Protein backbone atom coordinates (compact mmCIF):
# COMPACT_ATOMS: atom_id res chain seq x y z
CA UNK A 1 96.31 130.39 117.91
CA UNK A 2 94.06 130.34 114.87
CA UNK A 3 93.23 126.98 113.36
CA UNK A 4 93.15 126.61 109.63
CA UNK A 5 91.36 123.78 108.01
CA UNK A 6 92.07 122.24 104.68
CA UNK A 7 88.95 121.37 102.76
CA UNK A 8 88.58 117.79 101.58
CA UNK A 9 88.60 119.04 97.99
CA UNK A 10 92.28 120.00 98.48
CA UNK A 11 93.51 116.58 99.64
CA UNK A 12 95.19 114.04 97.38
CA UNK A 13 96.69 110.82 98.73
CA UNK A 14 100.14 109.89 97.42
CA UNK A 15 101.72 106.70 98.72
CA UNK A 16 105.16 108.13 97.90
CA UNK A 17 106.66 105.43 95.71
CA UNK A 18 110.42 105.51 96.13
CA UNK A 19 110.59 107.67 99.25
CA UNK A 20 112.53 105.74 101.92
CA UNK A 21 111.17 102.41 100.69
CA UNK A 22 112.87 99.39 99.19
CA UNK A 23 111.72 97.66 96.02
CA UNK A 24 109.55 95.13 97.82
CA UNK A 25 107.79 97.86 99.81
CA UNK A 26 107.19 99.91 96.64
CA UNK A 27 105.80 96.85 94.82
CA UNK A 28 103.51 96.03 97.76
CA UNK A 29 102.17 99.61 97.72
CA UNK A 30 101.47 99.30 94.00
CA UNK A 31 99.90 95.89 94.49
CA UNK A 32 97.62 97.15 97.24
CA UNK A 33 96.85 100.62 95.86
CA UNK A 34 93.15 99.76 95.89
CA UNK A 35 93.26 99.96 99.70
CA UNK A 36 93.75 103.71 99.27
CA UNK A 37 91.31 104.24 96.43
CA UNK A 38 88.28 103.11 98.45
CA UNK A 39 88.15 106.37 100.42
CA UNK A 40 86.78 109.77 99.48
CA UNK A 41 90.09 111.35 98.38
CA UNK A 42 91.72 111.04 94.98
CA UNK A 43 94.88 108.94 94.83
CA UNK A 44 97.97 109.97 92.90
CA UNK A 45 100.56 107.42 91.80
CA UNK A 46 103.85 108.98 90.78
CA UNK A 47 106.03 106.03 89.85
CA UNK A 48 107.14 107.03 86.35
CA UNK A 49 110.75 105.91 85.68
CA UNK A 50 111.35 105.23 89.39
CA UNK A 51 114.35 103.20 90.52
CA UNK A 52 112.17 100.24 91.47
CA UNK A 53 111.10 99.92 87.82
CA UNK A 54 114.74 99.99 86.73
CA UNK A 55 115.65 97.39 89.34
CA UNK A 56 112.81 95.06 88.41
CA UNK A 57 113.40 95.28 84.66
CA UNK A 58 117.21 95.24 84.73
CA UNK A 59 118.89 91.86 84.45
CA UNK A 60 122.36 92.40 85.90
CA UNK A 61 122.00 96.09 86.71
CA UNK A 62 119.13 98.60 86.88
CA UNK A 63 117.87 100.00 83.61
CA UNK A 64 118.55 103.72 83.16
CA UNK A 65 115.52 106.01 83.52
CA UNK A 66 115.10 106.57 79.79
CA UNK A 67 114.64 102.80 79.28
CA UNK A 68 111.81 102.35 81.80
CA UNK A 69 108.80 103.15 79.58
CA UNK A 70 107.35 99.63 79.55
CA UNK A 71 107.60 99.36 83.32
CA UNK A 72 105.99 102.76 83.74
CA UNK A 73 103.14 101.74 81.44
CA UNK A 74 102.60 98.57 83.48
CA UNK A 75 102.45 100.62 86.67
CA UNK A 76 100.04 103.11 85.06
CA UNK A 77 97.77 100.24 83.98
CA UNK A 78 97.82 98.78 87.48
CA UNK A 79 97.05 102.21 88.97
CA UNK A 80 94.09 102.70 86.64
CA UNK A 81 92.68 99.29 87.48
CA UNK A 82 93.16 99.99 91.18
CA UNK A 83 91.13 103.18 90.86
CA UNK A 84 93.82 105.86 91.04
CA UNK A 85 92.57 109.26 89.97
CA UNK A 86 95.92 110.67 88.90
CA UNK A 87 99.26 109.44 87.61
CA UNK A 88 102.39 111.51 87.22
CA UNK A 89 104.39 110.45 84.19
CA UNK A 90 107.24 111.56 81.97
CA UNK A 91 106.01 109.96 78.74
CA UNK A 92 102.60 111.62 78.54
CA UNK A 93 101.54 110.58 75.02
CA UNK A 94 102.20 106.87 75.62
CA UNK A 95 100.50 106.86 78.99
CA UNK A 96 97.44 108.73 77.71
CA UNK A 97 97.08 106.20 74.91
CA UNK A 98 97.37 103.34 77.39
CA UNK A 99 94.72 104.86 79.66
CA UNK A 100 92.37 105.50 76.72
CA UNK A 101 92.69 101.84 75.71
CA UNK A 102 92.07 100.63 79.24
CA UNK A 103 89.02 102.84 79.54
CA UNK A 104 87.64 101.48 76.26
CA UNK A 105 88.13 97.90 77.49
CA UNK A 106 86.43 98.67 80.80
CA UNK A 107 83.39 100.24 79.09
CA UNK A 108 82.57 97.15 77.03
């Protein structure tokens, strides 16, 4: 049997927000994302419009996906501050603007 190796330049860590996790587990992953960003591999956070955001922001019922922009922006900001290399988002323009502003603040 021939072994095949994957080079480290082809590895990205994704904590899998929303996959078989409840809201508390998803929030803890987001809160502790920096535990993953201290290693050599880039970290991807793909939490845009996820159910957890709808559950957290909804008062009596979850917000629908199209009303989760502010929550997604908060998660993107937290991911940037935790050192994530990549974020997967639906609202690209808004998230890019947020990241540019955060980067400007961090450079000062």
